[in-house]
């Protein structure tokens, strides 16, 4: 599992760094985008949504599993576990929505 996470982190870092070059090239040129830049923006938008959805799903699954395990061990603490779990799930989902907004910004530059 650690190997998969490290590969995903490395690919995400490469993606983030490459998208910065695309946006910098666009700002410097102030000209219509060529097909290479459009292709990189489209790939970046799709990858942003894919990686965010994967990370969000893994995070939400782990949070829900930990909360359910805690409730199973101590049913009396379900009220104290449930509210922070919902807040955590909302924060995880907000990061996925942020990636969706970034993808819309990339697509808007096409």
N, C-alpha and C. Protein backbone atom coordinates (compact mmCIF):
# COMPACT_ATOMS: atom_id res chain seq x y z
N UNK A 1 0.82 -1.19 0.00
CA UNK A 1 0.00 0.00 0.00
C UNK A 1 0.87 1.26 0.00
N UNK A 2 1.99 1.20 0.75
CA UNK A 2 2.86 2.36 0.79
C UNK A 2 3.47 2.64 -0.58
N UNK A 3 3.75 1.58 -1.32
CA UNK A 3 4.33 1.76 -2.65
C UNK A 3 3.33 2.43 -3.58
N UNK A 4 2.07 2.03 -3.50
CA UNK A 4 1.03 2.62 -4.34
C UNK A 4 0.85 4.10 -4.00
N UNK A 5 0.83 4.41 -2.71
CA UNK A 5 0.67 5.80 -2.29
C UNK A 5 1.85 6.64 -2.75
N UNK A 6 3.06 6.11 -2.64
CA UNK A 6 4.22 6.88 -3.07
C UNK A 6 4.23 7.09 -4.57
N UNK A 7 3.77 6.12 -5.33
CA UNK A 7 3.68 6.29 -6.79
C UNK A 7 2.64 7.34 -7.13
N UNK A 8 1.50 7.32 -6.45
CA UNK A 8 0.47 8.32 -6.69
C UNK A 8 0.94 9.72 -6.31
N UNK A 9 1.67 9.81 -5.21
CA UNK A 9 2.19 11.12 -4.79
C UNK A 9 3.20 11.66 -5.81
N UNK A 10 4.06 10.79 -6.30
CA UNK A 10 5.05 11.21 -7.28
C UNK A 10 4.39 11.63 -8.58
N UNK A 11 3.40 10.87 -9.03
CA UNK A 11 2.72 11.24 -10.27
C UNK A 11 1.93 12.53 -10.09
N UNK A 12 1.36 12.75 -8.91
CA UNK A 12 0.66 14.01 -8.64
C UNK A 12 1.61 15.19 -8.65
N UNK A 13 2.80 15.01 -8.07
CA UNK A 13 3.80 16.07 -8.06
C UNK A 13 4.24 16.40 -9.48
N UNK A 14 4.46 15.39 -10.29
CA UNK A 14 4.84 15.63 -11.69
C UNK A 14 3.73 16.36 -12.43
N UNK A 15 2.50 15.97 -12.17
CA UNK A 15 1.36 16.62 -12.82
C UNK A 15 1.27 18.09 -12.42
N UNK A 16 1.42 18.37 -11.13
CA UNK A 16 1.33 19.75 -10.66
C UNK A 16 2.44 20.60 -11.25
N UNK A 17 3.64 20.06 -11.30
CA UNK A 17 4.75 20.82 -11.86
C UNK A 17 4.59 21.06 -13.35
N UNK A 18 4.08 20.09 -14.07
CA UNK A 18 3.91 20.27 -15.52
C UNK A 18 2.79 21.26 -15.83
N UNK A 19 1.76 21.30 -15.01
CA UNK A 19 0.66 22.24 -15.25
C UNK A 19 1.13 23.67 -15.03
N UNK A 20 2.05 23.89 -14.11
CA UNK A 20 2.58 25.22 -13.90
C UNK A 20 3.31 25.74 -15.13
N UNK A 21 4.05 24.86 -15.81
CA UNK A 21 4.73 25.26 -17.03
C UNK A 21 3.75 25.61 -18.13
N UNK A 22 2.66 24.90 -18.19
CA UNK A 22 1.65 25.17 -19.21
C UNK A 22 1.05 26.54 -19.00
N UNK A 23 0.67 26.86 -17.76
CA UNK A 23 0.07 28.16 -17.49
C UNK A 23 1.08 29.29 -17.65
N UNK A 24 2.34 29.05 -17.30
CA UNK A 24 3.36 30.07 -17.48
C UNK A 24 3.61 30.34 -18.96
N UNK A 25 3.60 29.29 -19.77
CA UNK A 25 3.80 29.47 -21.20
C UNK A 25 2.65 30.26 -21.80
N UNK A 26 1.46 30.03 -21.30
CA UNK A 26 0.30 30.75 -21.84
C UNK A 26 0.37 32.22 -21.49
N UNK A 27 0.73 32.54 -20.25
CA UNK A 27 0.80 33.93 -19.83
C UNK A 27 1.91 34.67 -20.57
N UNK A 28 3.02 34.00 -20.83
CA UNK A 28 4.14 34.64 -21.50
C UNK A 28 3.82 34.93 -22.96
N UNK A 29 3.13 34.04 -23.60
CA UNK A 29 2.89 34.19 -25.03
C UNK A 29 1.74 35.16 -25.31
N UNK A 30 0.68 35.13 -24.52
CA UNK A 30 -0.54 35.93 -24.74
C UNK A 30 -1.04 35.75 -26.17
N UNK A 31 -0.83 34.57 -26.70
CA UNK A 31 -1.26 34.25 -28.05
C UNK A 31 -2.25 33.10 -27.96
N UNK A 32 -2.94 32.82 -29.04
CA UNK A 32 -3.84 31.66 -29.03
C UNK A 32 -3.06 30.39 -28.69
N UNK A 33 -3.71 29.50 -27.96
CA UNK A 33 -3.05 28.29 -27.53
C UNK A 33 -2.84 27.33 -28.70
N UNK A 34 -1.67 26.73 -28.75
CA UNK A 34 -1.45 25.72 -29.77
C UNK A 34 -2.00 24.39 -29.28
N UNK A 35 -1.95 23.39 -30.14
CA UNK A 35 -2.58 22.12 -29.82
C UNK A 35 -1.88 21.39 -28.68
N UNK A 36 -0.56 21.56 -28.52
CA UNK A 36 0.16 20.90 -27.42
C UNK A 36 -0.28 21.43 -26.06
N UNK A 37 -0.45 22.74 -25.96
CA UNK A 37 -0.87 23.33 -24.69
C UNK A 37 -2.31 22.93 -24.38
N UNK A 38 -3.16 22.91 -25.39
CA UNK A 38 -4.55 22.48 -25.19
C UNK A 38 -4.60 21.02 -24.73
N UNK A 39 -3.78 20.20 -25.32
CA UNK A 39 -3.76 18.79 -24.94
C UNK A 39 -3.28 18.63 -23.50
N UNK A 40 -2.25 19.37 -23.10
CA UNK A 40 -1.75 19.28 -21.74
C UNK A 40 -2.78 19.79 -20.73
N UNK A 41 -3.51 20.85 -21.09
CA UNK A 41 -4.56 21.35 -20.20
C UNK A 41 -5.68 20.33 -20.05
N UNK A 42 -6.05 19.68 -21.13
CA UNK A 42 -7.11 18.67 -21.06
C UNK A 42 -6.66 17.46 -20.24
N UNK A 43 -5.42 17.03 -20.43
CA UNK A 43 -4.90 15.91 -19.65
C UNK A 43 -4.81 16.31 -18.18
N UNK A 44 -4.36 17.53 -17.90
CA UNK A 44 -4.27 18.00 -16.52
C UNK A 44 -5.62 18.07 -15.84
N UNK A 45 -6.64 18.51 -16.57
CA UNK A 45 -7.99 18.58 -15.99
C UNK A 45 -8.51 17.19 -15.68
N UNK A 46 -8.35 16.27 -16.60
CA UNK A 46 -8.80 14.90 -16.36
C UNK A 46 -8.05 14.21 -15.24
N UNK A 47 -6.74 14.43 -15.20
CA UNK A 47 -5.93 13.81 -14.14
C UNK A 47 -6.24 14.42 -12.78
N UNK A 48 -6.53 15.72 -12.75
CA UNK A 48 -6.86 16.36 -11.47
C UNK A 48 -8.13 15.76 -10.89
N UNK A 49 -9.13 15.55 -11.70
CA UNK A 49 -10.37 14.96 -11.21
C UNK A 49 -10.14 13.51 -10.81
N UNK A 50 -9.41 12.76 -11.61
CA UNK A 50 -9.16 11.35 -11.29
C UNK A 50 -8.39 11.15 -10.01
N UNK A 51 -7.32 11.91 -9.83
CA UNK A 51 -6.50 11.78 -8.62
C UNK A 51 -7.28 12.26 -7.40
N UNK A 52 -8.03 13.36 -7.56
CA UNK A 52 -8.80 13.86 -6.43
C UNK A 52 -9.90 12.89 -6.02
N UNK A 53 -10.56 12.30 -7.00
CA UNK A 53 -11.61 11.33 -6.68
C UNK A 53 -11.02 10.09 -6.01
N UNK A 54 -9.88 9.64 -6.50
CA UNK A 54 -9.24 8.47 -5.89
C UNK A 54 -8.80 8.77 -4.45
N UNK A 55 -8.14 9.89 -4.26
CA UNK A 55 -7.70 10.25 -2.92
C UNK A 55 -8.86 10.50 -1.97
N UNK A 56 -9.90 11.16 -2.47
CA UNK A 56 -11.07 11.40 -1.63
C UNK A 56 -11.78 10.13 -1.24
N UNK A 57 -11.88 9.21 -2.18
CA UNK A 57 -12.54 7.92 -1.88
C UNK A 57 -11.74 7.12 -0.87
N UNK A 58 -10.41 7.10 -1.02
CA UNK A 58 -9.58 6.39 -0.05
C UNK A 58 -9.67 7.03 1.33
N UNK A 59 -9.64 8.35 1.37
CA UNK A 59 -9.72 9.04 2.66
C UNK A 59 -11.06 8.86 3.34
N UNK A 60 -12.13 8.95 2.56
CA UNK A 60 -13.45 8.76 3.15
C UNK A 60 -13.67 7.33 3.60
N UNK A 61 -13.17 6.39 2.86
CA UNK A 61 -13.29 4.99 3.27
C UNK A 61 -12.55 4.71 4.55
N UNK A 62 -11.35 5.26 4.66
CA UNK A 62 -10.56 5.04 5.87
C UNK A 62 -11.20 5.74 7.07
N UNK A 63 -11.72 6.94 6.86
CA UNK A 63 -12.37 7.67 7.97
C UNK A 63 -13.63 6.95 8.43
N UNK A 64 -14.43 6.48 7.50
CA UNK A 64 -15.66 5.77 7.88
C UNK A 64 -15.33 4.45 8.57
N UNK A 65 -14.32 3.75 8.08
CA UNK A 65 -13.95 2.48 8.70
C UNK A 65 -13.45 2.69 10.12
N UNK A 66 -12.64 3.72 10.31
CA UNK A 66 -12.13 3.99 11.66
C UNK A 66 -13.26 4.40 12.60
N UNK A 67 -14.20 5.21 12.10
CA UNK A 67 -15.31 5.63 12.94
C UNK A 67 -16.20 4.45 13.31
N UNK A 68 -16.49 3.60 12.34
CA UNK A 68 -17.33 2.44 12.63
C UNK A 68 -16.63 1.47 13.59
N UNK A 69 -15.34 1.33 13.45
CA UNK A 69 -14.60 0.47 14.37
C UNK A 69 -14.62 1.04 15.78
N UNK A 70 -14.48 2.36 15.88
CA UNK A 70 -14.55 2.99 17.19
C UNK A 70 -15.92 2.86 17.83
N UNK A 71 -16.97 2.99 17.02
CA UNK A 71 -18.33 2.84 17.55
C UNK A 71 -18.57 1.39 17.95
N UNK A 72 -18.03 0.45 17.19
CA UNK A 72 -18.22 -0.96 17.52
C UNK A 72 -17.52 -1.31 18.84
N UNK A 73 -16.39 -0.70 19.09
CA UNK A 73 -15.67 -0.99 20.34
C UNK A 73 -16.31 -0.32 21.55
N UNK A 74 -16.87 0.87 21.31
CA UNK A 74 -17.49 1.61 22.41
C UNK A 74 -18.78 2.26 21.90
N UNK A 75 -19.90 1.57 21.92
CA UNK A 75 -21.15 2.12 21.40
C UNK A 75 -21.61 3.39 22.12
N UNK A 76 -21.19 3.57 23.34
CA UNK A 76 -21.58 4.77 24.07
C UNK A 76 -20.94 6.04 23.54
N UNK A 77 -19.85 5.92 22.82
CA UNK A 77 -19.14 7.08 22.28
C UNK A 77 -19.56 7.42 20.86
N UNK A 78 -20.66 6.85 20.39
CA UNK A 78 -21.05 7.08 18.99
C UNK A 78 -21.36 8.54 18.72
N UNK A 79 -21.94 9.24 19.69
CA UNK A 79 -22.23 10.66 19.49
C UNK A 79 -20.97 11.50 19.39
N UNK A 80 -19.94 11.12 20.15
CA UNK A 80 -18.68 11.86 20.11
C UNK A 80 -17.86 11.53 18.88
N UNK A 81 -18.11 10.41 18.28
CA UNK A 81 -17.35 10.00 17.09
C UNK A 81 -18.04 10.48 15.81
N UNK A 82 -19.36 10.48 15.82
CA UNK A 82 -20.12 10.74 14.60
C UNK A 82 -19.92 12.17 14.08
N UNK A 83 -20.02 13.17 14.94
CA UNK A 83 -19.91 14.57 14.49
C UNK A 83 -18.53 14.89 13.91
N UNK A 84 -17.42 14.54 14.56
CA UNK A 84 -16.12 14.80 13.93
C UNK A 84 -15.91 14.03 12.63
N UNK A 85 -16.52 12.82 12.54
CA UNK A 85 -16.40 12.06 11.30
C UNK A 85 -17.09 12.79 10.16
N UNK A 86 -18.27 13.32 10.41
CA UNK A 86 -19.01 14.05 9.37
C UNK A 86 -18.24 15.30 8.95
N UNK A 87 -17.67 16.01 9.91
CA UNK A 87 -16.87 17.19 9.59
C UNK A 87 -15.66 16.80 8.75
N UNK A 88 -14.99 15.71 9.11
CA UNK A 88 -13.84 15.24 8.34
C UNK A 88 -14.23 14.83 6.93
N UNK A 89 -15.35 14.14 6.80
CA UNK A 89 -15.82 13.75 5.46
C UNK A 89 -16.16 14.97 4.61
N UNK A 90 -16.73 15.99 5.23
CA UNK A 90 -17.04 17.22 4.49
C UNK A 90 -15.77 17.91 4.02
N UNK A 91 -14.73 17.92 4.86
CA UNK A 91 -13.47 18.54 4.46
C UNK A 91 -12.80 17.75 3.34
N UNK A 92 -12.86 16.44 3.41
CA UNK A 92 -12.30 15.61 2.34
C UNK A 92 -13.04 15.89 1.03
N UNK A 93 -14.36 15.97 1.11
CA UNK A 93 -15.15 16.21 -0.10
C UNK A 93 -14.90 17.61 -0.65
N UNK A 94 -14.62 18.58 0.23
CA UNK A 94 -14.34 19.92 -0.26
C UNK A 94 -13.05 19.96 -1.08
N UNK A 95 -12.09 19.12 -0.72
CA UNK A 95 -10.86 19.06 -1.52
C UNK A 95 -11.13 18.49 -2.90
N UNK A 96 -12.02 17.53 -3.00
CA UNK A 96 -12.39 16.97 -4.30
C UNK A 96 -13.12 18.02 -5.13
N UNK A 97 -13.99 18.79 -4.50
CA UNK A 97 -14.69 19.85 -5.21
C UNK A 97 -13.70 20.93 -5.66
N UNK A 98 -12.69 21.21 -4.86
CA UNK A 98 -11.65 22.16 -5.25
C UNK A 98 -10.93 21.67 -6.51
N UNK A 99 -10.65 20.39 -6.59
CA UNK A 99 -10.02 19.83 -7.80
C UNK A 99 -10.96 19.97 -8.99
N UNK A 100 -12.26 19.84 -8.78
CA UNK A 100 -13.22 20.03 -9.86
C UNK A 100 -13.19 21.47 -10.36
N UNK A 101 -13.07 22.43 -9.45
CA UNK A 101 -12.99 23.83 -9.84
C UNK A 101 -11.71 24.08 -10.64
N UNK A 102 -10.60 23.50 -10.20
CA UNK A 102 -9.34 23.65 -10.94
C UNK A 102 -9.48 23.06 -12.34
N UNK A 103 -10.14 21.91 -12.44
CA UNK A 103 -10.34 21.29 -13.76
C UNK A 103 -11.19 22.19 -14.64
N UNK A 104 -12.22 22.82 -14.08
CA UNK A 104 -13.04 23.74 -14.87
C UNK A 104 -12.23 24.95 -15.33
N UNK A 105 -11.33 25.43 -14.49
CA UNK A 105 -10.47 26.54 -14.89
C UNK A 105 -9.56 26.12 -16.05
N UNK A 106 -9.00 24.91 -15.96
CA UNK A 106 -8.15 24.41 -17.05
C UNK A 106 -8.95 24.29 -18.34
N UNK A 107 -10.14 23.73 -18.26
CA UNK A 107 -10.95 23.55 -19.46
C UNK A 107 -11.39 24.91 -20.00
N UNK A 108 -11.60 25.89 -19.11
CA UNK A 108 -11.98 27.22 -19.56
C UNK A 108 -10.88 27.91 -20.36
N UNK A 109 -9.65 27.49 -20.19
CA UNK A 109 -8.54 28.07 -20.93
C UNK A 109 -8.39 27.47 -22.33
N UNK A 110 -9.16 26.43 -22.61
CA UNK A 110 -9.06 25.82 -23.94
C UNK A 110 -9.70 26.71 -24.95
